[in-house]
Amino acid sequence: MRLNANFESRVVVLPEQYVWTDSPMPGVDRMMLDRIGDEVARATSLVRYAPGSVFSPHTHSGGEEILVLEGTFGDEHGLYPAGTYIRNPIGTTHTPKVGSEGALIFVKLHQFDEEDSAQLVVNTQTESWRPGLVPGLSVMPLHQHKHENVALVKWAPNTQFQTHRHWGGEEIYVLDGVFRDEHGEYPKGSWIRSPHMSQHTPFTGEEGALIYVKTGHL
């Protein structure tokens, strides 16, 4: 399978465009955002776990990055409520499971640099925010390796950022509010992937926004 596999093209997926498909495990559905490969694939997806569902034990041959969006995700190592950011490096193994409330996660597979061995569990509900580059912007760094940077960015209402280019590309998932730029409006649940050296001028309106953002990895 090849889905949104041209990383030189800008891609936007809005929540009204979601199409959920069954995974191999009962009670686990996927909304595929990009994918190269079949069941084992370089992939970016939303994964929805029904209450009480489990996924089979598996090894992360290319690494796994997770942001828990709703409910509580779990495995044999612990429980991870909404807002938890997880990195499982190449070679790690686990058996995902969820409890009575189910879970929704944003997950990226087979996208780790071989030297990126950091195993992380970050509760973003308790971490501190740092001032951003412009008034109204707050940043929570989550991970950095070589050129790749991952963070949450909180935009106050009516915040304007300068025009900039994305060296190494930029990927955004809108967690709350409405993110905007000169190309459009992106409500909660929107996914935007912008290629290397693309350019935009982002801003927010009255709603403000909270986004997951990864740069430098494309």
N, C-alpha and C. Protein backbone atom coordinates (compact mmCIF):
# COMPACT_ATOMS: atom_id res chain seq x y z
N MET A 1 0.84 -1.19 0.00
CA MET A 1 0.00 0.00 0.00
C MET A 1 0.88 1.25 0.00
N ARG A 2 0.48 2.24 -0.76
CA ARG A 2 1.12 3.54 -0.75
C ARG A 2 0.03 4.60 -0.60
N LEU A 3 0.04 5.28 0.53
CA LEU A 3 -0.96 6.31 0.83
C LEU A 3 -0.23 7.58 1.24
N ASN A 4 -0.50 8.68 0.52
CA ASN A 4 0.20 9.94 0.79
C ASN A 4 1.71 9.70 0.92
N ALA A 5 2.24 8.95 -0.04
CA ALA A 5 3.63 8.49 0.02
C ALA A 5 4.61 9.42 -0.68
N ASN A 6 4.13 10.48 -1.31
CA ASN A 6 5.02 11.45 -1.95
C ASN A 6 5.32 12.55 -0.94
N PHE A 7 6.50 12.49 -0.33
CA PHE A 7 6.84 13.42 0.75
C PHE A 7 7.30 14.78 0.22
N GLU A 8 7.25 14.95 -1.09
CA GLU A 8 7.52 16.26 -1.67
C GLU A 8 6.23 17.06 -1.89
N SER A 9 5.09 16.46 -1.55
CA SER A 9 3.80 17.12 -1.71
C SER A 9 3.20 17.47 -0.35
N ARG A 10 2.51 18.60 -0.30
CA ARG A 10 1.78 18.99 0.91
C ARG A 10 0.50 18.18 0.99
N VAL A 11 0.18 17.67 2.19
CA VAL A 11 -1.02 16.87 2.40
C VAL A 11 -1.79 17.43 3.59
N VAL A 12 -3.11 17.53 3.44
CA VAL A 12 -3.98 17.95 4.54
C VAL A 12 -5.11 16.93 4.65
N VAL A 13 -5.35 16.41 5.85
CA VAL A 13 -6.49 15.53 6.11
C VAL A 13 -7.31 16.19 7.21
N LEU A 14 -8.56 16.50 6.91
CA LEU A 14 -9.48 17.12 7.87
C LEU A 14 -10.34 16.04 8.52
N PRO A 15 -10.86 16.29 9.72
CA PRO A 15 -11.60 15.24 10.43
C PRO A 15 -12.83 14.74 9.68
N GLU A 16 -13.46 15.59 8.86
CA GLU A 16 -14.62 15.12 8.11
C GLU A 16 -14.24 14.17 6.98
N GLN A 17 -12.93 14.02 6.71
CA GLN A 17 -12.44 13.11 5.68
C GLN A 17 -12.01 11.76 6.24
N TYR A 18 -12.13 11.57 7.54
CA TYR A 18 -11.68 10.30 8.14
C TYR A 18 -12.46 9.12 7.56
N VAL A 19 -11.74 8.06 7.27
CA VAL A 19 -12.32 6.77 6.88
C VAL A 19 -11.65 5.71 7.75
N TRP A 20 -12.40 5.14 8.68
CA TRP A 20 -11.85 4.15 9.60
C TRP A 20 -11.90 2.76 8.97
N THR A 21 -10.82 1.99 9.15
CA THR A 21 -10.75 0.62 8.64
C THR A 21 -10.38 -0.32 9.78
N ASP A 22 -10.81 -1.57 9.66
CA ASP A 22 -10.50 -2.57 10.68
C ASP A 22 -9.02 -2.91 10.68
N SER A 23 -8.45 -3.10 11.85
CA SER A 23 -7.12 -3.68 11.96
C SER A 23 -7.26 -5.20 12.05
N PRO A 24 -6.16 -5.94 12.10
CA PRO A 24 -6.29 -7.41 12.26
C PRO A 24 -6.87 -7.84 13.60
N MET A 25 -6.94 -6.91 14.59
CA MET A 25 -7.42 -7.27 15.91
C MET A 25 -8.83 -6.74 16.14
N PRO A 26 -9.75 -7.55 16.66
CA PRO A 26 -11.12 -7.10 16.93
C PRO A 26 -11.13 -5.90 17.88
N GLY A 27 -11.95 -4.91 17.56
CA GLY A 27 -12.09 -3.75 18.42
C GLY A 27 -11.05 -2.67 18.23
N VAL A 28 -10.15 -2.87 17.26
CA VAL A 28 -9.09 -1.88 17.00
C VAL A 28 -9.23 -1.41 15.55
N ASP A 29 -9.52 -0.12 15.37
CA ASP A 29 -9.71 0.48 14.05
C ASP A 29 -8.61 1.49 13.77
N ARG A 30 -8.37 1.74 12.46
CA ARG A 30 -7.32 2.67 12.07
C ARG A 30 -7.83 3.68 11.06
N MET A 31 -7.38 4.91 11.22
CA MET A 31 -7.53 5.95 10.21
C MET A 31 -6.12 6.23 9.69
N MET A 32 -5.82 5.76 8.49
CA MET A 32 -4.47 5.88 7.95
C MET A 32 -4.25 7.27 7.37
N LEU A 33 -3.15 7.90 7.77
CA LEU A 33 -2.79 9.23 7.28
C LEU A 33 -1.72 9.16 6.20
N ASP A 34 -0.68 8.42 6.45
CA ASP A 34 0.25 8.06 5.37
C ASP A 34 0.76 6.64 5.63
N ARG A 35 1.16 5.97 4.56
CA ARG A 35 1.55 4.56 4.72
C ARG A 35 2.35 4.10 3.51
N ILE A 36 3.44 3.42 3.78
CA ILE A 36 4.22 2.75 2.75
C ILE A 36 4.46 1.33 3.24
N GLY A 37 3.75 0.37 2.67
CA GLY A 37 3.85 -1.01 3.12
C GLY A 37 2.48 -1.57 3.44
N ASP A 38 2.47 -2.83 3.81
CA ASP A 38 1.21 -3.51 4.11
C ASP A 38 0.98 -3.54 5.62
N GLU A 39 0.89 -4.72 6.22
CA GLU A 39 0.64 -4.74 7.67
C GLU A 39 1.85 -4.25 8.45
N VAL A 40 3.05 -4.55 7.96
CA VAL A 40 4.27 -3.96 8.51
C VAL A 40 4.64 -2.82 7.57
N ALA A 41 4.60 -1.58 8.08
CA ALA A 41 4.71 -0.43 7.18
C ALA A 41 5.31 0.77 7.88
N ARG A 42 5.88 1.65 7.06
CA ARG A 42 6.17 3.00 7.54
C ARG A 42 4.82 3.71 7.53
N ALA A 43 4.33 4.12 8.69
CA ALA A 43 2.94 4.56 8.76
C ALA A 43 2.74 5.65 9.79
N THR A 44 1.79 6.53 9.48
CA THR A 44 1.25 7.51 10.43
C THR A 44 -0.25 7.29 10.46
N SER A 45 -0.82 7.09 11.64
CA SER A 45 -2.23 6.71 11.74
C SER A 45 -2.84 7.23 13.04
N LEU A 46 -4.17 7.31 13.03
CA LEU A 46 -4.94 7.35 14.26
C LEU A 46 -5.42 5.93 14.52
N VAL A 47 -5.32 5.48 15.75
CA VAL A 47 -5.76 4.12 16.10
C VAL A 47 -6.76 4.23 17.23
N ARG A 48 -7.92 3.62 17.03
CA ARG A 48 -9.03 3.70 17.98
C ARG A 48 -9.25 2.33 18.61
N TYR A 49 -9.10 2.27 19.93
CA TYR A 49 -9.29 1.03 20.68
C TYR A 49 -10.65 1.06 21.37
N ALA A 50 -11.48 0.07 21.09
CA ALA A 50 -12.75 -0.07 21.81
C ALA A 50 -12.46 -0.46 23.26
N PRO A 51 -13.38 -0.18 24.19
CA PRO A 51 -13.17 -0.58 25.59
C PRO A 51 -12.83 -2.07 25.70
N GLY A 52 -11.80 -2.38 26.48
CA GLY A 52 -11.42 -3.76 26.73
C GLY A 52 -10.66 -4.44 25.61
N SER A 53 -10.29 -3.73 24.56
CA SER A 53 -9.61 -4.36 23.44
C SER A 53 -8.11 -4.48 23.69
N VAL A 54 -7.49 -5.39 22.96
CA VAL A 54 -6.05 -5.64 23.07
C VAL A 54 -5.46 -5.75 21.67
N PHE A 55 -4.15 -5.58 21.59
CA PHE A 55 -3.43 -5.81 20.34
C PHE A 55 -2.37 -6.86 20.61
N SER A 56 -2.05 -7.65 19.60
CA SER A 56 -1.12 -8.76 19.78
C SER A 56 0.28 -8.26 20.13
N PRO A 57 1.07 -9.06 20.85
CA PRO A 57 2.45 -8.67 21.15
C PRO A 57 3.23 -8.42 19.86
N HIS A 58 4.04 -7.37 19.86
CA HIS A 58 4.81 -7.08 18.66
C HIS A 58 6.09 -6.33 19.02
N THR A 59 7.08 -6.46 18.12
CA THR A 59 8.36 -5.79 18.27
C THR A 59 8.42 -4.61 17.33
N HIS A 60 8.96 -3.51 17.80
CA HIS A 60 9.05 -2.28 17.00
C HIS A 60 10.34 -2.31 16.17
N SER A 61 10.26 -2.90 15.01
CA SER A 61 11.46 -3.04 14.19
C SER A 61 11.94 -1.72 13.61
N GLY A 62 11.05 -0.71 13.58
CA GLY A 62 11.45 0.61 13.11
C GLY A 62 11.11 1.72 14.08
N GLY A 63 10.78 1.33 15.33
CA GLY A 63 10.41 2.32 16.34
C GLY A 63 8.94 2.67 16.30
N GLU A 64 8.44 3.20 17.42
CA GLU A 64 7.03 3.58 17.54
C GLU A 64 6.93 4.86 18.37
N GLU A 65 6.19 5.82 17.87
CA GLU A 65 5.93 7.09 18.55
C GLU A 65 4.43 7.23 18.74
N ILE A 66 3.99 7.55 19.95
CA ILE A 66 2.56 7.59 20.28
C ILE A 66 2.26 8.88 21.05
N LEU A 67 1.13 9.49 20.71
CA LEU A 67 0.53 10.52 21.55
C LEU A 67 -0.89 10.07 21.87
N VAL A 68 -1.19 9.90 23.16
CA VAL A 68 -2.53 9.45 23.56
C VAL A 68 -3.48 10.64 23.51
N LEU A 69 -4.52 10.52 22.69
CA LEU A 69 -5.45 11.63 22.47
C LEU A 69 -6.67 11.55 23.38
N GLU A 70 -7.20 10.35 23.58
CA GLU A 70 -8.40 10.18 24.40
C GLU A 70 -8.29 8.87 25.17
N GLY A 71 -8.97 8.81 26.32
CA GLY A 71 -9.01 7.57 27.10
C GLY A 71 -7.68 7.28 27.77
N THR A 72 -7.43 5.99 28.01
CA THR A 72 -6.18 5.53 28.63
C THR A 72 -5.64 4.36 27.84
N PHE A 73 -4.47 4.54 27.28
CA PHE A 73 -3.76 3.47 26.57
C PHE A 73 -2.90 2.73 27.58
N GLY A 74 -2.65 1.44 27.36
CA GLY A 74 -1.85 0.69 28.31
C GLY A 74 -1.10 -0.45 27.65
N ASP A 75 -0.13 -0.98 28.38
CA ASP A 75 0.57 -2.20 28.00
C ASP A 75 1.11 -2.82 29.28
N GLU A 76 1.95 -3.85 29.16
CA GLU A 76 2.46 -4.52 30.35
C GLU A 76 3.40 -3.64 31.17
N HIS A 77 3.79 -2.50 30.61
CA HIS A 77 4.72 -1.61 31.31
C HIS A 77 4.01 -0.49 32.09
N GLY A 78 2.73 -0.23 31.77
CA GLY A 78 2.05 0.83 32.49
C GLY A 78 0.78 1.29 31.83
N LEU A 79 0.16 2.31 32.42
CA LEU A 79 -1.05 2.93 31.90
C LEU A 79 -0.72 4.37 31.52
N TYR A 80 -1.27 4.82 30.37
CA TYR A 80 -0.90 6.12 29.81
C TYR A 80 -2.17 6.90 29.47
N PRO A 81 -2.56 7.83 30.33
CA PRO A 81 -3.79 8.60 30.09
C PRO A 81 -3.61 9.60 28.96
N ALA A 82 -4.74 10.19 28.55
CA ALA A 82 -4.72 11.21 27.49
C ALA A 82 -3.68 12.27 27.82
N GLY A 83 -2.91 12.65 26.81
CA GLY A 83 -1.84 13.62 26.98
C GLY A 83 -0.47 13.00 27.17
N THR A 84 -0.39 11.66 27.20
CA THR A 84 0.91 11.00 27.37
C THR A 84 1.60 10.85 26.02
N TYR A 85 2.89 11.21 25.98
CA TYR A 85 3.72 11.06 24.79
C TYR A 85 4.70 9.92 25.05
N ILE A 86 4.77 8.96 24.11
CA ILE A 86 5.54 7.73 24.29
C ILE A 86 6.46 7.52 23.09
N ARG A 87 7.70 7.15 23.35
CA ARG A 87 8.62 6.71 22.29
C ARG A 87 9.17 5.35 22.66
N ASN A 88 8.92 4.36 21.79
CA ASN A 88 9.43 3.00 21.94
C ASN A 88 10.45 2.76 20.83
N PRO A 89 11.75 2.76 21.16
CA PRO A 89 12.77 2.68 20.11
C PRO A 89 12.85 1.32 19.43
N ILE A 90 13.64 1.28 18.40
CA ILE A 90 13.82 0.06 17.61
C ILE A 90 14.23 -1.10 18.52
N GLY A 91 13.52 -2.23 18.35
CA GLY A 91 13.82 -3.44 19.10
C GLY A 91 13.00 -3.65 20.35
N THR A 92 12.24 -2.64 20.79
CA THR A 92 11.41 -2.81 21.97
C THR A 92 10.15 -3.62 21.61
N THR A 93 9.54 -4.19 22.64
CA THR A 93 8.37 -5.06 22.46
C THR A 93 7.31 -4.71 23.49
N HIS A 94 6.03 -4.79 23.09
CA HIS A 94 4.96 -4.64 24.08
C HIS A 94 3.67 -5.26 23.57
N THR A 95 2.67 -5.31 24.47
CA THR A 95 1.35 -5.86 24.17
C THR A 95 0.32 -4.82 24.57
N PRO A 96 -0.16 -3.99 23.63
CA PRO A 96 -1.11 -2.93 23.97
C PRO A 96 -2.44 -3.48 24.46
N LYS A 97 -3.05 -2.74 25.40
CA LYS A 97 -4.37 -3.10 25.90
C LYS A 97 -5.01 -1.84 26.48
N VAL A 98 -6.32 -1.81 26.50
CA VAL A 98 -7.02 -0.66 27.09
C VAL A 98 -8.10 -1.15 28.04
N GLY A 99 -8.54 -0.24 28.89
CA GLY A 99 -9.55 -0.58 29.88
C GLY A 99 -10.94 -0.21 29.42
N SER A 100 -11.79 0.12 30.39
CA SER A 100 -13.22 0.29 30.13
C SER A 100 -13.56 1.55 29.35
N GLU A 101 -12.66 2.52 29.29
CA GLU A 101 -12.96 3.76 28.56
C GLU A 101 -12.43 3.75 27.13
N GLY A 102 -11.66 2.73 26.75
CA GLY A 102 -11.08 2.70 25.41
C GLY A 102 -9.99 3.75 25.27
N ALA A 103 -9.52 3.94 24.04
CA ALA A 103 -8.46 4.92 23.81
C ALA A 103 -8.40 5.30 22.34
N LEU A 104 -7.91 6.51 22.09
CA LEU A 104 -7.60 6.98 20.74
C LEU A 104 -6.17 7.49 20.78
N ILE A 105 -5.33 6.99 19.86
CA ILE A 105 -3.93 7.41 19.85
C ILE A 105 -3.52 7.86 18.45
N PHE A 106 -2.56 8.79 18.41
CA PHE A 106 -1.87 9.17 17.19
C PHE A 106 -0.55 8.42 17.22
N VAL A 107 -0.24 7.67 16.16
CA VAL A 107 0.92 6.77 16.21
C VAL A 107 1.71 6.83 14.91
N LYS A 108 3.03 6.82 15.05
CA LYS A 108 3.94 6.80 13.91
C LYS A 108 4.86 5.59 14.04
N LEU A 109 4.94 4.79 12.99
CA LEU A 109 5.70 3.54 13.00
C LEU A 109 6.81 3.56 11.95
N HIS A 110 7.91 2.89 12.27
CA HIS A 110 9.04 2.70 11.33
C HIS A 110 9.58 4.02 10.81
N GLN A 111 9.75 4.98 11.73
CA GLN A 111 10.25 6.29 11.33
C GLN A 111 11.41 6.76 12.20
N PHE A 112 12.02 5.83 12.96
CA PHE A 112 13.13 6.19 13.85
C PHE A 112 14.46 6.08 13.12
N ASP A 113 15.36 7.02 13.39
CA ASP A 113 16.76 6.88 13.03
C ASP A 113 17.35 5.73 13.85
N GLU A 114 18.23 4.94 13.25
CA GLU A 114 18.79 3.79 13.94
C GLU A 114 19.54 4.17 15.21
N GLU A 115 20.04 5.40 15.28
CA GLU A 115 20.78 5.85 16.46
C GLU A 115 19.88 6.49 17.52
N ASP A 116 18.60 6.61 17.23
CA ASP A 116 17.67 7.24 18.16
C ASP A 116 17.13 6.19 19.13
N SER A 117 17.79 6.05 20.27
CA SER A 117 17.47 4.97 21.20
C SER A 117 16.74 5.44 22.45
N ALA A 118 16.30 6.70 22.47
CA ALA A 118 15.63 7.23 23.67
C ALA A 118 14.26 6.58 23.85
N GLN A 119 14.03 5.99 25.02
CA GLN A 119 12.71 5.47 25.37
C GLN A 119 12.07 6.46 26.34
N LEU A 120 10.92 7.01 25.94
CA LEU A 120 10.33 8.10 26.69
C LEU A 120 8.87 7.83 27.04
N VAL A 121 8.47 8.30 28.21
CA VAL A 121 7.07 8.42 28.58
C VAL A 121 6.94 9.79 29.23
N VAL A 122 6.22 10.72 28.58
CA VAL A 122 6.10 12.09 29.05
C VAL A 122 4.63 12.41 29.29
N ASN A 123 4.30 12.81 30.49
CA ASN A 123 2.94 13.26 30.80
C ASN A 123 2.86 14.75 30.49
N THR A 124 2.29 15.09 29.35
CA THR A 124 2.25 16.49 28.94
C THR A 124 1.27 17.31 29.78
N GLN A 125 0.45 16.65 30.60
CA GLN A 125 -0.45 17.39 31.48
C GLN A 125 0.28 18.02 32.66
N THR A 126 1.48 17.52 32.96
CA THR A 126 2.21 18.02 34.12
C THR A 126 3.53 18.70 33.75
N GLU A 127 3.98 18.58 32.51
CA GLU A 127 5.22 19.22 32.09
C GLU A 127 5.05 20.74 31.99
N SER A 128 6.16 21.45 32.09
CA SER A 128 6.12 22.91 32.04
C SER A 128 6.16 23.42 30.60
N TRP A 129 5.54 24.57 30.38
CA TRP A 129 5.58 25.25 29.09
C TRP A 129 6.68 26.31 29.11
N ARG A 130 7.28 26.52 27.93
CA ARG A 130 8.31 27.55 27.77
C ARG A 130 7.79 28.63 26.84
N PRO A 131 8.27 29.87 27.00
CA PRO A 131 7.84 30.93 26.08
C PRO A 131 8.26 30.61 24.65
N GLY A 132 7.36 30.90 23.70
CA GLY A 132 7.66 30.71 22.29
C GLY A 132 8.39 31.91 21.71
N LEU A 133 8.53 31.90 20.38
CA LEU A 133 9.30 32.95 19.70
C LEU A 133 8.53 34.25 19.55
N VAL A 134 7.21 34.19 19.70
CA VAL A 134 6.41 35.42 19.60
C VAL A 134 5.43 35.45 20.77
N PRO A 135 4.93 36.62 21.17
CA PRO A 135 3.93 36.69 22.24
C PRO A 135 2.70 35.85 21.90
N GLY A 136 2.19 35.14 22.91
CA GLY A 136 1.01 34.29 22.71
C GLY A 136 1.34 32.86 22.37
N LEU A 137 2.63 32.54 22.22
CA LEU A 137 3.05 31.19 21.84
C LEU A 137 3.79 30.54 23.01
N SER A 138 3.41 29.30 23.36
CA SER A 138 4.09 28.52 24.39
C SER A 138 4.49 27.17 23.80
N VAL A 139 5.67 26.67 24.21
CA VAL A 139 6.22 25.45 23.62
C VAL A 139 6.56 24.45 24.72
N MET A 140 6.24 23.17 24.46
CA MET A 140 6.64 22.08 25.33
C MET A 140 7.49 21.10 24.51
N PRO A 141 8.82 21.20 24.58
CA PRO A 141 9.65 20.25 23.82
C PRO A 141 9.44 18.82 24.32
N LEU A 142 9.35 17.88 23.39
CA LEU A 142 9.14 16.48 23.74
C LEU A 142 10.32 15.59 23.38
N HIS A 143 10.96 15.88 22.24
CA HIS A 143 12.07 15.02 21.81
C HIS A 143 12.88 15.74 20.75
N GLN A 144 14.20 15.48 20.76
CA GLN A 144 15.07 16.02 19.73
C GLN A 144 16.15 14.98 19.42
N HIS A 145 16.35 14.73 18.13
CA HIS A 145 17.42 13.83 17.69
C HIS A 145 17.89 14.28 16.32
N LYS A 146 19.17 14.61 16.21
CA LYS A 146 19.73 15.15 14.98
C LYS A 146 18.87 16.33 14.52
N HIS A 147 18.29 16.24 13.32
CA HIS A 147 17.49 17.36 12.81
C HIS A 147 16.02 17.28 13.23
N GLU A 148 15.60 16.16 13.82
CA GLU A 148 14.19 15.98 14.17
C GLU A 148 13.87 16.64 15.51
N ASN A 149 12.80 17.41 15.54
CA ASN A 149 12.32 18.03 16.76
C ASN A 149 10.82 17.78 16.90
N VAL A 150 10.39 17.40 18.10
CA VAL A 150 8.99 17.14 18.38
C VAL A 150 8.57 18.00 19.58
N ALA A 151 7.42 18.65 19.48
CA ALA A 151 6.95 19.51 20.56
C ALA A 151 5.44 19.65 20.50
N LEU A 152 4.87 20.08 21.62
CA LEU A 152 3.53 20.64 21.62
C LEU A 152 3.67 22.15 21.60
N VAL A 153 2.79 22.80 20.85
CA VAL A 153 2.82 24.26 20.78
C VAL A 153 1.41 24.77 21.07
N LYS A 154 1.32 25.66 22.06
CA LYS A 154 0.04 26.24 22.47
C LYS A 154 -0.04 27.67 21.95
N TRP A 155 -1.09 27.93 21.18
CA TRP A 155 -1.31 29.25 20.58
C TRP A 155 -2.45 29.94 21.31
N ALA A 156 -2.19 31.10 21.87
CA ALA A 156 -3.25 31.92 22.44
C ALA A 156 -4.15 32.44 21.32
N PRO A 157 -5.37 32.85 21.64
CA PRO A 157 -6.22 33.46 20.60
C PRO A 157 -5.51 34.63 19.91
N ASN A 158 -5.74 34.72 18.61
CA ASN A 158 -5.26 35.85 17.80
C ASN A 158 -3.74 36.03 17.87
N THR A 159 -3.04 34.90 17.76
CA THR A 159 -1.58 34.92 17.73
C THR A 159 -1.10 34.83 16.28
N GLN A 160 -0.13 35.64 15.94
CA GLN A 160 0.43 35.67 14.58
C GLN A 160 1.91 35.27 14.63
N PHE A 161 2.28 34.32 13.76
CA PHE A 161 3.68 33.91 13.66
C PHE A 161 4.24 34.42 12.34
N GLN A 162 5.57 34.56 12.28
CA GLN A 162 6.17 35.09 11.07
C GLN A 162 6.19 34.04 9.95
N THR A 163 6.30 34.51 8.72
CA THR A 163 6.48 33.63 7.58
C THR A 163 7.80 32.88 7.75
N HIS A 164 7.78 31.56 7.51
CA HIS A 164 9.01 30.77 7.67
C HIS A 164 8.96 29.56 6.74
N ARG A 165 10.16 29.04 6.46
CA ARG A 165 10.30 27.82 5.66
C ARG A 165 10.59 26.63 6.57
N HIS A 166 10.15 25.46 6.11
CA HIS A 166 10.31 24.23 6.89
C HIS A 166 11.52 23.45 6.35
N TRP A 167 12.69 23.69 6.92
CA TRP A 167 13.84 22.87 6.54
C TRP A 167 13.62 21.47 7.08
N GLY A 168 13.62 20.49 6.20
CA GLY A 168 13.34 19.12 6.62
C GLY A 168 11.88 18.80 6.78
N GLY A 169 11.00 19.74 6.40
CA GLY A 169 9.57 19.49 6.46
C GLY A 169 8.97 19.74 7.83
N GLU A 170 7.64 19.73 7.86
CA GLU A 170 6.89 19.95 9.09
C GLU A 170 5.62 19.10 9.07
N GLU A 171 5.31 18.52 10.21
CA GLU A 171 4.09 17.72 10.36
C GLU A 171 3.33 18.21 11.57
N ILE A 172 2.02 18.44 11.42
CA ILE A 172 1.20 18.99 12.49
C ILE A 172 -0.05 18.13 12.66
N TYR A 173 -0.42 17.88 13.92
CA TYR A 173 -1.73 17.33 14.24
C TYR A 173 -2.38 18.30 15.22
N VAL A 174 -3.58 18.77 14.88
CA VAL A 174 -4.25 19.78 15.70
C VAL A 174 -5.00 19.08 16.84
N LEU A 175 -4.59 19.38 18.05
CA LEU A 175 -5.15 18.74 19.24
C LEU A 175 -6.36 19.47 19.80
N ASP A 176 -6.41 20.79 19.57
CA ASP A 176 -7.54 21.57 20.09
C ASP A 176 -7.58 22.91 19.36
N GLY A 177 -8.75 23.53 19.34
CA GLY A 177 -8.90 24.83 18.71
C GLY A 177 -8.88 24.74 17.19
N VAL A 178 -8.47 25.84 16.56
CA VAL A 178 -8.39 25.92 15.09
C VAL A 178 -7.06 26.57 14.73
N PHE A 179 -6.23 25.83 14.02
CA PHE A 179 -4.97 26.33 13.51
C PHE A 179 -5.22 26.90 12.11
N ARG A 180 -4.52 27.96 11.74
CA ARG A 180 -4.76 28.61 10.45
C ARG A 180 -3.46 29.02 9.80
N ASP A 181 -3.47 29.13 8.48
CA ASP A 181 -2.43 29.81 7.72
C ASP A 181 -3.07 30.35 6.45
N GLU A 182 -2.26 30.87 5.55
CA GLU A 182 -2.81 31.47 4.34
C GLU A 182 -3.45 30.44 3.40
N HIS A 183 -3.23 29.16 3.69
CA HIS A 183 -3.79 28.11 2.83
C HIS A 183 -5.14 27.59 3.31
N GLY A 184 -5.49 27.83 4.59
CA GLY A 184 -6.77 27.30 5.06
C GLY A 184 -6.91 27.31 6.57
N GLU A 185 -7.98 26.67 7.03
CA GLU A 185 -8.29 26.52 8.45
C GLU A 185 -8.31 25.04 8.80
N TYR A 186 -7.76 24.71 9.98
CA TYR A 186 -7.57 23.32 10.35
C TYR A 186 -8.10 23.10 11.77
N PRO A 187 -9.31 22.58 11.91
CA PRO A 187 -9.89 22.37 13.24
C PRO A 187 -9.26 21.17 13.94
N LYS A 188 -9.65 20.99 15.19
CA LYS A 188 -9.19 19.84 15.98
C LYS A 188 -9.35 18.56 15.17
N GLY A 189 -8.29 17.75 15.15
CA GLY A 189 -8.30 16.50 14.40
C GLY A 189 -7.69 16.60 13.02
N SER A 190 -7.27 17.79 12.60
CA SER A 190 -6.65 17.96 11.28
C SER A 190 -5.19 17.53 11.32
N TRP A 191 -4.72 16.98 10.20
CA TRP A 191 -3.32 16.56 10.04
C TRP A 191 -2.75 17.24 8.81
N ILE A 192 -1.59 17.87 8.96
CA ILE A 192 -0.97 18.62 7.88
C ILE A 192 0.48 18.17 7.76
N ARG A 193 0.89 17.78 6.56
CA ARG A 193 2.30 17.44 6.32
C ARG A 193 2.83 18.32 5.21
N SER A 194 3.84 19.14 5.53
CA SER A 194 4.39 20.11 4.59
C SER A 194 5.83 19.72 4.25
N PRO A 195 6.20 19.68 2.97
CA PRO A 195 7.50 19.14 2.57
C PRO A 195 8.67 20.07 2.88
N HIS A 196 9.85 19.55 2.67
CA HIS A 196 11.11 20.28 2.83
C HIS A 196 11.08 21.58 2.05
N MET A 197 11.40 22.66 2.76
CA MET A 197 11.51 24.02 2.21
C MET A 197 10.17 24.62 1.80
N SER A 198 9.06 24.04 2.21
CA SER A 198 7.76 24.69 2.03
C SER A 198 7.67 25.89 2.97
N GLN A 199 6.70 26.76 2.73
CA GLN A 199 6.61 28.02 3.45
C GLN A 199 5.17 28.32 3.84
N HIS A 200 4.97 28.91 5.01
CA HIS A 200 3.64 29.41 5.37
C HIS A 200 3.74 30.46 6.46
N THR A 201 2.59 31.09 6.74
CA THR A 201 2.50 32.14 7.77
C THR A 201 1.34 31.79 8.69
N PRO A 202 1.60 31.00 9.76
CA PRO A 202 0.49 30.53 10.60
C PRO A 202 -0.02 31.58 11.58
N PHE A 203 -1.30 31.39 11.99
CA PHE A 203 -1.91 32.28 12.96
C PHE A 203 -3.13 31.59 13.56
N THR A 204 -3.69 32.20 14.60
CA THR A 204 -4.93 31.70 15.18
C THR A 204 -5.95 32.82 15.27
N GLY A 205 -7.23 32.41 15.38
CA GLY A 205 -8.32 33.34 15.60
C GLY A 205 -8.74 33.31 17.06
N GLU A 206 -10.03 33.53 17.29
CA GLU A 206 -10.55 33.63 18.66
C GLU A 206 -10.42 32.33 19.44
N GLU A 207 -10.35 31.18 18.74
CA GLU A 207 -10.34 29.90 19.44
C GLU A 207 -8.97 29.55 20.01
N GLY A 208 -7.88 30.13 19.45
CA GLY A 208 -6.55 29.65 19.79
C GLY A 208 -6.36 28.24 19.26
N ALA A 209 -5.26 27.59 19.62
CA ALA A 209 -5.00 26.23 19.13
C ALA A 209 -3.93 25.56 19.98
N LEU A 210 -3.99 24.24 20.01
CA LEU A 210 -2.94 23.40 20.58
C LEU A 210 -2.56 22.40 19.51
N ILE A 211 -1.26 22.31 19.18
CA ILE A 211 -0.83 21.41 18.11
C ILE A 211 0.35 20.56 18.56
N TYR A 212 0.40 19.33 18.02
CA TYR A 212 1.61 18.52 18.00
C TYR A 212 2.35 18.90 16.74
N VAL A 213 3.66 19.13 16.84
CA VAL A 213 4.42 19.51 15.66
C VAL A 213 5.76 18.79 15.65
N LYS A 214 6.11 18.24 14.49
CA LYS A 214 7.40 17.60 14.27
C LYS A 214 8.05 18.25 13.07
N THR A 215 9.32 18.62 13.19
CA THR A 215 10.03 19.26 12.11
C THR A 215 11.35 18.55 11.84
N GLY A 216 11.85 18.73 10.60
CA GLY A 216 13.18 18.25 10.26
C GLY A 216 13.30 16.80 9.87
N HIS A 217 12.20 16.07 9.82
CA HIS A 217 12.24 14.61 9.63
C HIS A 217 11.90 14.17 8.21
N LEU A 218 11.56 15.10 7.33
CA LEU A 218 11.11 14.72 5.99
C LEU A 218 12.19 14.99 4.94
